[in-house]
C-alpha atoms as a PDB file:
ATOM      1  CA  UNK A   1    -121.118  -6.903   4.545  1.00  0.00           C
ATOM      2  CA  UNK A   2    -122.760  -4.301   2.287  1.00  0.00           C
ATOM      3  CA  UNK A   3    -121.745  -1.466   4.595  1.00  0.00           C
ATOM      4  CA  UNK A   4    -118.082  -2.486   4.428  1.00  0.00           C
ATOM      5  CA  UNK A   5    -118.321  -2.555   0.636  1.00  0.00           C
ATOM      6  CA  UNK A   6    -119.906   0.905   0.668  1.00  0.00           C
ATOM      7  CA  UNK A   7    -117.101   2.317   2.822  1.00  0.00           C
ATOM      8  CA  UNK A   8    -114.500   0.897   0.441  1.00  0.00           C
ATOM      9  CA  UNK A   9    -116.064   1.812  -2.881  1.00  0.00           C
ATOM     10  CA  UNK A  10    -117.138   5.405  -2.175  1.00  0.00           C
ATOM     11  CA  UNK A  11    -113.666   6.627  -1.055  1.00  0.00           C
ATOM     12  CA  UNK A  12    -112.086   4.847  -4.025  1.00  0.00           C
ATOM     13  CA  UNK A  13    -114.487   6.570  -6.442  1.00  0.00           C
ATOM     14  CA  UNK A  14    -113.757   9.934  -4.844  1.00  0.00           C
ATOM     15  CA  UNK A  15    -110.011   9.277  -5.171  1.00  0.00           C
ATOM     16  CA  UNK A  16    -110.458   8.178  -8.797  1.00  0.00           C
ATOM     17  CA  UNK A  17    -112.501  11.214  -9.915  1.00  0.00           C
ATOM     18  CA  UNK A  18    -109.569  13.576 -10.722  1.00  0.00           C
ATOM     19  CA  UNK A  19    -107.890  10.850 -12.814  1.00  0.00           C
ATOM     20  CA  UNK A  20    -111.018  10.426 -14.911  1.00  0.00           C
ATOM     21  CA  UNK A  21    -111.442  14.179 -15.346  1.00  0.00           C
ATOM     22  CA  UNK A  22    -107.847  14.654 -16.528  1.00  0.00           C
ATOM     23  CA  UNK A  23    -107.916  11.570 -18.760  1.00  0.00           C
ATOM     24  CA  UNK A  24    -111.040  12.856 -20.549  1.00  0.00           C
ATOM     25  CA  UNK A  25    -109.844  16.472 -20.721  1.00  0.00           C
ATOM     26  CA  UNK A  26    -108.954  18.130 -24.029  1.00  0.00           C
ATOM     27  CA  UNK A  27    -106.738  20.754 -22.390  1.00  0.00           C
ATOM     28  CA  UNK A  28    -103.585  18.622 -22.633  1.00  0.00           C
ATOM     29  CA  UNK A  29    -102.492  15.778 -24.883  1.00  0.00           C
ATOM     30  CA  UNK A  30     -99.987  12.953 -25.077  1.00  0.00           C
ATOM     31  CA  UNK A  31     -96.982  13.016 -22.787  1.00  0.00           C
ATOM     32  CA  UNK A  32     -98.212  16.079 -20.935  1.00  0.00           C
ATOM     33  CA  UNK A  33    -101.432  14.275 -19.999  1.00  0.00           C
ATOM     34  CA  UNK A  34     -99.408  11.262 -18.868  1.00  0.00           C
ATOM     35  CA  UNK A  35     -97.199  13.524 -16.746  1.00  0.00           C
ATOM     36  CA  UNK A  36    -100.263  15.053 -15.038  1.00  0.00           C
ATOM     37  CA  UNK A  37    -101.730  11.601 -14.368  1.00  0.00           C
ATOM     38  CA  UNK A  38     -98.463  10.368 -12.869  1.00  0.00           C
ATOM     39  CA  UNK A  39     -98.155  13.510 -10.756  1.00  0.00           C
ATOM     40  CA  UNK A  40    -101.671  12.955  -9.450  1.00  0.00           C
ATOM     41  CA  UNK A  41    -100.885   9.339  -8.655  1.00  0.00           C
ATOM     42  CA  UNK A  42     -97.780  10.233  -6.655  1.00  0.00           C
ATOM     43  CA  UNK A  43     -98.775  13.628  -5.248  1.00  0.00           C
ATOM     44  CA  UNK A  44    -102.546  13.042  -5.173  1.00  0.00           C
ATOM     45  CA  UNK A  45    -105.113  15.822  -5.215  1.00  0.00           C
ATOM     46  CA  UNK A  46    -102.592  18.654  -4.983  1.00  0.00           C
ATOM     47  CA  UNK A  47    -101.487  17.845  -8.531  1.00  0.00           C
ATOM     48  CA  UNK A  48    -105.116  17.927  -9.676  1.00  0.00           C
ATOM     49  CA  UNK A  49    -105.527  21.393  -8.183  1.00  0.00           C
ATOM     50  CA  UNK A  50    -102.373  22.515 -10.012  1.00  0.00           C
ATOM     51  CA  UNK A  51    -103.733  20.926 -13.191  1.00  0.00           C
ATOM     52  CA  UNK A  52    -106.984  22.860 -12.888  1.00  0.00           C
ATOM     53  CA  UNK A  53    -105.044  26.093 -12.388  1.00  0.00           C
ATOM     54  CA  UNK A  54    -102.186  25.620 -14.870  1.00  0.00           C
ATOM     55  CA  UNK A  55    -103.044  23.126 -17.617  1.00  0.00           C
ATOM     56  CA  UNK A  56    -105.746  25.013 -19.518  1.00  0.00           C
ATOM     57  CA  UNK A  57    -103.213  27.625 -20.631  1.00  0.00           C
ATOM     58  CA  UNK A  58    -103.744  27.224 -24.374  1.00  0.00           C
ATOM     59  CA  UNK A  59    -106.310  29.565 -25.843  1.00  0.00           C
ATOM     60  CA  UNK A  60    -109.424  28.218 -27.494  1.00  0.00           C
END
């Protein structure tokens, strides 16, 4: 029983990681952040890779 739980929780946490990273990021705000989260939900990790490459465009 515990092994089945382990094999369900670990992949879910790996899948959830990019969502958490984007949600906590200060690189984008508001509707743009929502758009990235929706893109990641529908397109998955490819959108997260694009986010990491394209979103931090504003200078600090």
